[in-house]
Protein backbone atom coordinates (compact mmCIF):
# COMPACT_ATOMS: atom_id res chain seq x y z
CA MET A 1 -18.72 -10.16 40.38
CA SER A 2 -15.98 -11.93 42.36
CA HIS A 3 -12.40 -12.14 41.11
CA PRO A 4 -10.70 -15.57 41.08
CA SER A 5 -7.33 -13.82 41.36
CA ASP A 6 -5.71 -16.58 43.41
CA ARG A 7 -6.31 -19.36 40.90
CA ALA A 8 -6.54 -20.17 37.21
CA PRO A 9 -9.28 -18.37 35.29
CA ASP A 10 -12.70 -19.83 36.01
CA THR A 11 -14.85 -20.71 33.00
CA GLY A 12 -18.05 -19.40 34.54
CA TYR A 13 -16.44 -16.15 35.62
CA LEU A 14 -15.03 -15.49 32.15
CA THR A 15 -18.23 -16.59 30.41
CA ASP A 16 -20.29 -14.13 32.47
CA ILE A 17 -17.96 -11.30 31.45
CA ARG A 18 -17.96 -12.33 27.81
CA ARG A 19 -21.74 -12.55 27.63
CA ALA A 20 -22.18 -9.17 29.30
CA LEU A 21 -19.84 -7.66 26.72
CA HIS A 22 -21.48 -9.51 23.84
CA GLN A 23 -24.84 -7.91 24.58
CA VAL A 24 -23.55 -4.33 24.30
CA PRO A 25 -21.25 -4.23 21.24
CA GLU A 26 -20.01 -0.76 20.38
CA VAL A 27 -18.24 0.32 17.20
CA GLY A 28 -15.25 2.62 16.84
CA LEU A 29 -13.12 4.48 19.32
CA HIS A 30 -15.80 5.42 21.83
CA LEU A 31 -17.17 2.45 23.76
CA PRO A 32 -18.55 3.86 27.02
CA ARG A 33 -20.58 0.80 28.08
CA THR A 34 -17.76 -1.58 27.26
CA GLN A 35 -15.28 0.58 29.11
CA ALA A 36 -17.53 0.66 32.17
CA LEU A 37 -17.79 -3.16 32.21
CA VAL A 38 -14.01 -3.52 31.95
CA LEU A 39 -13.40 -1.04 34.75
CA GLU A 40 -15.89 -2.87 36.95
CA ALA A 41 -14.21 -6.22 36.27
CA LEU A 42 -10.74 -4.84 37.05
CA SER A 43 -11.76 -3.12 40.28
CA GLY A 44 -10.17 -4.64 43.35
CA LEU A 45 -7.22 -6.20 41.49
CA GLY A 46 -4.80 -3.54 42.66
CA LEU A 47 -3.91 -2.22 39.22
CA ASP A 48 -2.90 1.31 38.34
CA ILE A 49 -5.75 2.28 36.02
CA ALA A 50 -5.82 4.97 33.33
CA THR A 51 -8.50 5.71 30.74
CA GLY A 52 -8.14 7.33 27.35
CA VAL A 53 -8.74 10.95 26.44
CA ASN A 54 -9.55 10.57 22.75
CA CYS A 55 -10.91 7.05 22.98
CA SER A 56 -12.54 4.71 25.50
CA SER A 57 -9.35 2.81 26.24
CA VAL A 58 -8.43 1.24 29.57
CA VAL A 59 -4.82 0.68 30.62
CA GLY A 60 -4.07 -1.30 33.75
CA VAL A 61 -0.56 -1.67 35.17
CA LEU A 62 0.22 -4.50 37.57
CA ARG A 63 3.33 -3.81 39.66
CA GLY A 64 5.17 -7.00 40.57
CA ASP A 65 6.38 -7.38 44.15
CA ALA A 66 9.34 -9.73 43.60
CA ASP A 67 12.51 -8.38 45.17
CA VAL A 68 14.85 -7.66 42.25
CA ALA A 69 17.20 -4.85 41.38
CA ASP A 70 15.69 -2.07 39.31
CA ALA A 71 18.08 -2.88 36.46
CA GLU A 72 16.67 -6.42 36.29
CA ARG A 73 13.01 -5.47 36.29
CA ARG A 74 11.17 -6.10 33.06
CA CYS A 75 7.86 -5.03 31.56
CA VAL A 76 5.37 -6.99 29.45
CA LEU A 77 2.36 -5.72 27.51
CA LEU A 78 -0.76 -7.81 26.89
CA ARG A 79 -3.38 -6.47 24.49
CA GLY A 80 -7.08 -7.21 24.04
CA ASP A 81 -9.29 -5.30 21.60
CA MET A 82 -12.82 -4.38 22.68
CA ASP A 83 -14.81 -3.02 19.74
CA GLY A 84 -17.56 -4.68 17.73
CA LEU A 85 -18.64 -4.44 14.10
CA PRO A 86 -21.56 -2.70 12.33
CA ILE A 87 -23.28 -6.03 11.65
CA ARG A 88 -26.79 -7.12 12.64
CA GLU A 89 -26.46 -10.37 14.59
CA ALA A 90 -28.22 -13.35 12.99
CA VAL A 91 -27.49 -15.81 15.80
CA ASP A 92 -30.34 -16.62 18.16
CA VAL A 93 -28.64 -16.92 21.55
CA GLU A 94 -29.94 -15.76 24.91
CA PHE A 95 -27.13 -13.21 25.21
CA ARG A 96 -27.40 -11.81 21.67
CA SER A 97 -26.64 -8.17 20.93
CA ARG A 98 -29.04 -5.62 22.35
CA HIS A 99 -27.57 -2.92 20.08
CA ASP A 100 -29.37 -3.26 16.76
CA GLY A 101 -26.92 -3.16 13.87
CA ALA A 102 -23.86 -3.93 16.00
CA MET A 103 -22.33 -7.30 16.84
CA HIS A 104 -19.21 -8.85 18.32
CA ALA A 105 -18.62 -10.78 15.10
CA CYS A 106 -14.84 -10.88 15.40
CA GLY A 107 -14.55 -12.24 18.93
CA HIS A 108 -13.30 -9.09 20.62
CA ASP A 109 -15.66 -9.79 23.51
CA LEU A 110 -13.69 -13.01 24.07
CA HIS A 111 -10.39 -11.13 23.82
CA THR A 112 -11.50 -8.66 26.46
CA ALA A 113 -12.71 -11.41 28.79
CA MET A 114 -9.45 -13.33 28.33
CA LEU A 115 -7.37 -10.25 29.15
CA ILE A 116 -9.47 -9.62 32.27
CA GLY A 117 -8.86 -13.28 33.23
CA ALA A 118 -5.12 -12.87 32.68
CA ALA A 119 -5.13 -9.73 34.84
CA ALA A 120 -6.97 -11.56 37.63
CA THR A 121 -4.58 -14.52 37.46
CA LEU A 122 -1.43 -12.40 37.48
CA ALA A 123 -2.74 -10.14 40.24
CA GLY A 124 -2.96 -13.26 42.39
CA GLN A 125 0.73 -13.95 41.70
CA ARG A 126 2.01 -10.43 42.23
CA GLU A 127 4.72 -11.58 44.66
CA ARG A 128 6.29 -13.74 41.91
CA LEU A 129 6.54 -10.98 39.32
CA PRO A 130 9.96 -9.33 38.94
CA GLY A 131 8.51 -6.52 36.87
CA ASP A 132 5.32 -4.98 35.57
CA VAL A 133 2.50 -6.05 33.27
CA VAL A 134 0.59 -3.55 31.13
CA PHE A 135 -2.95 -4.62 30.20
CA MET A 136 -3.97 -2.77 27.04
CA PHE A 137 -7.75 -2.75 26.52
CA GLN A 138 -8.07 -1.19 23.07
CA PRO A 139 -11.06 0.26 21.22
CA GLY A 140 -11.19 0.93 17.50
CA GLU A 141 -9.30 -2.04 16.08
CA GLU A 142 -11.87 -2.52 13.33
CA GLY A 143 -10.75 0.23 10.98
CA PHE A 144 -10.25 3.08 13.46
CA ASP A 145 -6.55 2.55 14.29
CA GLY A 146 -7.15 2.50 18.03
CA ALA A 147 -3.62 1.25 18.64
CA ALA A 148 -2.20 4.43 17.12
CA VAL A 149 -4.45 6.53 19.37
CA MET A 150 -3.35 4.60 22.45
CA ILE A 151 0.32 4.86 21.49
CA GLU A 152 -0.10 8.61 21.06
CA GLU A 153 -1.67 8.72 24.54
CA GLY A 154 1.27 6.85 26.08
CA VAL A 155 0.33 3.18 26.44
CA LEU A 156 3.92 2.11 25.69
CA ASP A 157 5.16 4.19 28.61
CA ALA A 158 2.33 3.39 31.02
CA ALA A 159 4.61 1.43 33.36
CA GLY A 160 7.34 4.06 33.35
CA ARG A 161 9.49 2.16 30.85
CA ARG A 162 8.97 0.60 27.44
CA PRO A 163 7.77 -3.03 27.45
CA ASP A 164 10.36 -5.70 26.76
CA ALA A 165 7.74 -7.95 25.14
CA ALA A 166 4.20 -7.62 23.79
CA TRP A 167 1.62 -10.32 23.16
CA ALA A 168 -1.86 -10.59 21.63
CA LEU A 169 -4.25 -13.45 20.93
CA HIS A 170 -7.06 -13.54 18.36
CA VAL A 171 -9.85 -16.11 18.22
CA MET A 172 -10.68 -17.54 14.80
CA SER A 173 -13.68 -19.42 13.42
CA GLY A 174 -13.45 -21.37 10.20
CA MET A 175 -9.65 -21.31 10.18
CA LEU A 176 -8.39 -23.62 12.93
CA PRO A 177 -9.57 -26.63 14.92
CA ARG A 178 -10.98 -25.67 18.28
CA ARG A 179 -8.37 -24.86 20.98
CA VAL A 180 -5.41 -25.03 18.58
CA ILE A 181 -3.01 -22.07 18.84
CA ALA A 182 -1.30 -21.00 15.62
CA GLY A 183 1.45 -18.55 14.78
CA ARG A 184 4.49 -18.02 12.63
CA ALA A 185 7.74 -16.09 12.65
CA GLY A 186 7.93 -13.00 10.46
CA PRO A 187 4.88 -11.68 8.61
CA MET A 188 1.70 -12.80 10.38
CA LEU A 189 -0.79 -10.40 8.80
CA ALA A 190 -0.63 -8.04 5.84
CA ALA A 191 -0.09 -4.34 5.48
CA SER A 192 -3.46 -2.76 4.66
CA ASN A 193 -3.74 0.19 2.30
CA GLU A 194 -6.49 1.96 0.40
CA LEU A 195 -6.47 3.18 -3.19
CA ARG A 196 -9.05 5.86 -4.08
CA VAL A 197 -9.45 7.10 -7.65
CA THR A 198 -11.65 9.85 -9.07
CA VAL A 199 -11.82 10.10 -12.86
CA HIS A 200 -12.89 13.51 -14.20
CA GLY A 201 -14.65 13.47 -17.56
CA VAL A 202 -17.03 15.68 -19.50
CA GLY A 203 -20.73 15.03 -19.01
CA GLY A 204 -23.29 14.93 -21.77
CA HIS A 205 -26.19 13.11 -23.36
CA GLY A 206 -25.97 9.34 -23.63
CA SER A 207 -27.05 9.49 -27.27
CA ALA A 208 -23.98 11.54 -28.23
CA PRO A 209 -20.93 10.03 -26.50
CA HIS A 210 -18.64 11.66 -29.07
CA ARG A 211 -19.57 15.05 -27.65
CA ALA A 212 -18.63 14.05 -24.10
CA ARG A 213 -15.83 12.17 -22.41
CA ASN A 214 -17.20 9.26 -20.43
CA PRO A 215 -15.29 8.71 -17.17
CA ILE A 216 -17.02 5.35 -16.63
CA SER A 217 -15.23 3.79 -19.60
CA ALA A 218 -11.85 4.94 -18.35
CA ALA A 219 -12.57 3.93 -14.76
CA ALA A 220 -13.72 0.47 -15.86
CA GLU A 221 -10.54 0.05 -17.86
CA MET A 222 -8.53 1.06 -14.79
CA VAL A 223 -10.31 -1.54 -12.68
CA SER A 224 -9.51 -4.30 -15.18
CA ALA A 225 -5.89 -3.19 -15.42
CA LEU A 226 -5.49 -2.98 -11.65
CA HIS A 227 -6.95 -6.45 -11.10
CA ALA A 228 -4.31 -7.81 -13.50
CA LEU A 229 -1.55 -5.72 -11.96
CA VAL A 230 -0.47 -8.02 -9.13
CA SER A 231 0.12 -11.06 -11.33
CA ARG A 232 2.05 -8.99 -13.87
CA THR A 233 4.25 -6.78 -11.72
CA THR A 234 4.97 -8.69 -8.48
CA SER A 235 6.83 -11.93 -8.01
CA ALA A 236 4.79 -15.08 -7.51
CA PHE A 237 6.82 -15.51 -4.31
CA GLU A 238 5.78 -12.10 -2.96
CA PRO A 239 2.04 -12.40 -2.23
CA ALA A 240 -0.16 -9.35 -2.66
CA VAL A 241 -3.88 -8.60 -2.96
CA LEU A 242 -5.59 -5.80 -4.85
CA ASN A 243 -9.38 -5.78 -4.93
CA VAL A 244 -11.73 -3.03 -6.03
CA GLY A 245 -14.65 -2.98 -3.62
CA GLU A 246 -16.46 0.25 -4.51
CA PHE A 247 -17.48 1.86 -7.80
CA HIS A 248 -19.77 4.88 -8.04
CA ALA A 249 -20.87 6.72 -11.19
CA GLY A 250 -23.90 8.02 -12.98
CA THR A 251 -27.56 8.66 -12.25
CA MET A 252 -29.45 7.60 -15.42
CA THR A 253 -28.79 5.47 -18.49
CA ASN A 254 -29.03 8.43 -20.87
CA ILE A 255 -26.67 10.70 -18.94
CA ILE A 256 -22.89 10.61 -19.26
CA PRO A 257 -21.69 11.68 -15.80
CA PRO A 258 -18.87 14.17 -15.26
CA GLN A 259 -16.98 11.83 -12.95
CA ALA A 260 -16.58 8.25 -11.74
CA CYS A 261 -15.02 7.06 -8.48
CA PHE A 262 -13.78 3.73 -7.21
CA SER A 263 -11.70 2.43 -4.34
CA ALA A 264 -9.69 -0.69 -3.64
CA THR A 265 -7.93 -2.46 -0.81
CA VAL A 266 -4.24 -3.19 -1.42
CA ARG A 267 -2.45 -5.68 0.82
CA CYS A 268 1.04 -7.13 0.88
CA PHE A 269 3.72 -8.38 3.27
CA SER A 270 6.80 -6.21 2.69
CA ASP A 271 7.62 -2.52 2.35
CA GLU A 272 9.44 -3.17 -0.93
CA VAL A 273 6.35 -4.68 -2.56
CA LEU A 274 4.18 -1.92 -1.11
CA ASP A 275 6.38 0.80 -2.63
CA GLN A 276 6.20 -0.95 -6.00
CA LEU A 277 2.42 -1.43 -5.84
CA GLU A 278 1.78 2.19 -4.98
CA ALA A 279 3.93 3.40 -7.87
CA ASP A 280 2.29 0.94 -10.28
CA CYS A 281 -1.25 1.88 -9.21
CA ARG A 282 -0.53 5.54 -9.83
CA ARG A 283 1.13 4.82 -13.19
CA VAL A 284 -1.73 2.66 -14.45
CA CYS A 285 -4.51 5.04 -13.43
CA HIS A 286 -2.82 8.15 -14.79
CA GLY A 287 -1.85 6.31 -17.96
CA VAL A 288 -5.38 5.13 -18.70
CA ALA A 289 -6.77 8.57 -17.96
CA THR A 290 -4.32 10.16 -20.37
CA ALA A 291 -5.23 7.66 -23.08
CA HIS A 292 -8.88 8.73 -22.72
CA ARG A 293 -7.96 12.45 -22.63
CA LEU A 294 -9.17 12.63 -19.03
CA GLU A 295 -7.68 13.44 -15.67
CA ALA A 296 -7.53 11.18 -12.62
CA GLU A 297 -7.00 12.00 -8.98
CA VAL A 298 -5.21 9.08 -7.33
CA GLU A 299 -4.91 8.77 -3.57
CA PHE A 300 -2.98 5.91 -1.96
CA GLU A 301 -3.31 5.79 1.82
CA ARG A 302 -1.09 3.52 3.87
CA LEU A 303 -3.25 2.37 6.77
CA TYR A 304 -1.66 -0.44 8.80
CA PRO A 305 1.86 -1.88 8.53
CA VAL A 306 2.68 -5.57 8.28
CA THR A 307 2.19 -7.48 11.54
CA LEU A 308 5.66 -8.93 12.13
CA ASN A 309 6.16 -11.60 14.79
CA ASP A 310 9.63 -11.66 16.31
CA PRO A 311 11.20 -15.09 15.54
CA SER A 312 12.60 -15.45 19.06
CA ALA A 313 9.21 -14.53 20.52
CA VAL A 314 7.49 -17.18 18.41
CA ALA A 315 9.98 -19.85 19.53
CA PHE A 316 9.52 -18.73 23.13
CA ALA A 317 5.73 -18.94 22.82
CA ALA A 318 5.98 -22.39 21.22
CA ASP A 319 7.63 -23.70 24.38
CA VAL A 320 4.88 -22.14 26.47
CA ILE A 321 2.17 -23.81 24.35
CA ASP A 322 3.90 -27.19 24.48
CA ASP A 323 4.35 -27.02 28.24
CA MET A 324 0.80 -25.87 28.94
CA PHE A 325 -1.26 -27.75 26.38
CA GLY A 326 1.00 -30.19 24.52
CA SER A 327 2.48 -29.91 21.04
CA SER A 328 -0.72 -31.27 19.45
CA ARG A 329 -2.37 -27.95 20.32
CA ARG A 330 0.28 -25.93 18.44
CA GLU A 331 0.32 -25.22 14.73
CA THR A 332 2.97 -23.39 12.72
CA MET A 333 1.33 -21.44 9.91
CA THR A 334 3.01 -21.92 6.54
CA THR A 335 1.67 -18.64 5.15
CA PRO A 336 0.53 -15.35 6.65
CA VAL A 337 -3.05 -14.09 6.53
CA ALA A 338 -4.05 -11.20 4.26
CA GLY A 339 -6.10 -9.56 7.00
CA ALA A 340 -4.54 -6.63 8.85
CA GLU A 341 -4.12 -5.62 12.49
CA ASP A 342 -3.21 -2.40 14.24
CA PHE A 343 -1.35 -4.49 16.85
CA SER A 344 1.29 -4.25 14.13
CA ARG A 345 2.04 -0.79 15.50
CA ILE A 346 2.86 -2.24 18.91
CA LEU A 347 5.12 -4.86 17.32
CA GLN A 348 6.94 -2.12 15.41
CA ALA A 349 8.05 -0.74 18.77
CA VAL A 350 8.24 -3.87 20.95
CA PRO A 351 9.37 -7.42 20.11
CA GLY A 352 6.62 -9.97 20.58
CA GLY A 353 3.94 -11.84 18.73
CA MET A 354 0.30 -12.27 17.82
CA PHE A 355 -1.28 -15.74 17.77
CA PHE A 356 -4.57 -17.24 16.62
CA LEU A 357 -6.74 -19.48 18.79
CA GLY A 358 -9.25 -21.82 17.14
CA ALA A 359 -12.67 -21.05 18.63
CA SER A 360 -15.26 -22.50 16.27
CA ASP A 361 -18.28 -23.94 18.05
CA THR A 362 -18.33 -27.00 15.78
CA GLU A 363 -15.97 -29.86 14.99
CA ASP A 364 -16.65 -29.14 11.32
CA TRP A 365 -14.63 -25.96 11.65
CA GLN A 366 -13.71 -25.81 7.95
CA ASN A 367 -17.35 -25.07 7.14
CA ALA A 368 -18.10 -22.83 10.11
CA PRO A 369 -19.01 -19.17 9.47
CA ASP A 370 -15.90 -17.01 9.46
CA ASN A 371 -15.10 -14.01 11.62
CA HIS A 372 -17.16 -10.98 10.52
CA SER A 373 -20.13 -13.16 9.55
CA PRO A 374 -23.50 -12.32 11.15
CA HIS A 375 -23.83 -16.09 11.74
CA VAL A 376 -20.48 -16.64 13.50
CA VAL A 377 -20.56 -18.38 16.90
CA PHE A 378 -17.50 -18.72 19.11
CA ASP A 379 -16.97 -21.50 21.63
CA GLU A 380 -16.73 -20.00 25.10
CA THR A 381 -14.83 -23.03 26.46
CA VAL A 382 -11.64 -21.55 24.94
CA LEU A 383 -11.80 -18.58 27.32
CA PRO A 384 -9.72 -20.18 30.14
CA ASP A 385 -7.13 -21.37 27.61
CA GLY A 386 -6.69 -17.90 26.19
CA ALA A 387 -6.51 -16.23 29.59
CA SER A 388 -4.03 -18.84 30.89
CA PHE A 389 -1.87 -18.59 27.77
CA LEU A 390 -1.64 -14.80 28.02
CA SER A 391 -0.87 -14.86 31.73
CA GLU A 392 1.80 -17.55 31.29
CA LEU A 393 3.43 -15.62 28.44
CA ALA A 394 3.62 -12.57 30.70
CA LEU A 395 4.85 -14.54 33.72
CA ARG A 396 7.62 -16.31 31.83
CA SER A 397 8.62 -13.17 29.95
CA LEU A 398 9.29 -11.61 33.34
CA THR A 399 10.70 -14.50 35.34
CA ASP A 400 12.97 -16.05 32.70
CA ALA A 401 14.96 -12.87 32.25
CA ALA A 402 18.11 -14.45 33.66
CA SER A 403 18.94 -16.16 30.35
CA LEU A 404 18.04 -13.57 27.77
CA GLY A 405 18.61 -14.16 24.09
CA GLN A 406 19.51 -11.48 21.56
CA SER A 407 15.91 -10.38 21.02
CA GLY A 408 15.13 -10.11 24.72
CA PHE A 409 13.50 -13.55 24.99
CA PRO A 410 14.95 -16.48 26.92
CA ARG A 411 17.05 -18.83 24.82
CA GLN A 412 15.10 -21.92 23.89
CA ARG A 413 15.75 -25.42 25.09
CA SER A 414 18.00 -27.48 22.82
């Protein structure tokens, strides 16, 4: 596979990579086939390559050759996630998944191809780069916190110094018109947390409930109370989501079980609301249990923090979008999205931003299957746009360092 490293990303080149990845989706932190394809695509680009110990990550570092003083050198991180989802693909395409029960239903195959394209483009401009670019190929974004694993293994120090900026791009179906890039300053995606409750009762015969203590009744009351919690305890101007997605209890209609279990996702956009929600969830569940003369074990696990886009980074990226594609291709999101991202961990340490790229394969994008659907289809013609956008963000983040603003990004045009 040849590398178009001396020119803009080639559609055919990126499409070939994407389709190869799409056929071998792997779930979780260990993606050996995906890792092998990425390593093959990066070979010959002159990157310093490292692979993960506890996951199938790939980190490539491009050393810029521009003659600048060490004190003026900068570093930029670009991230692409690589993992698929445990979904059986329902789309009949010639390059459909060959791994039964796994599918690239969230577009991570496009992200990986775009990041490879950005690496190829920037490698062809090495002499212009007054600093280094870290290419972060991450497994385990879909619920396995791969970013945390890669941070623990040193991705933020891969170039020998912390990045001055970090960028990520995520394709979306059913959310944006094709080829439109969207973002916002501040909260972009929610903090994701998990509530797990086990209610301990006293089992018995279904014909004599007075001789037992039914945990199902108490657990059901907890579920109803929790679903009303957000609207009663948080401000209407502080969005939050609490949804019970699992409930397990009992084996037969005439048996009162000794315990009932349920779990919920809890999402919000600030630490203050999160602290309040956790305290309220514990209070409600313990209170209902006490009222039923039962005991409840309540676990509240904080999974991913809020994805916070740096305001200066968003303004900087807006100029890049306008210059490259025109302002009609840029959209400012009025509200964040309640999904979550472990790229939030990178943005906790490095100023930068995550953006969405419309990639529905139909003009009727409002009715297109969403990400995570077994029927979702992404338009491969957005691949060069994504690769070019990432490479231009990296290039300008390095070369415009002469007029830095307070957050480390060049001051915007007036």
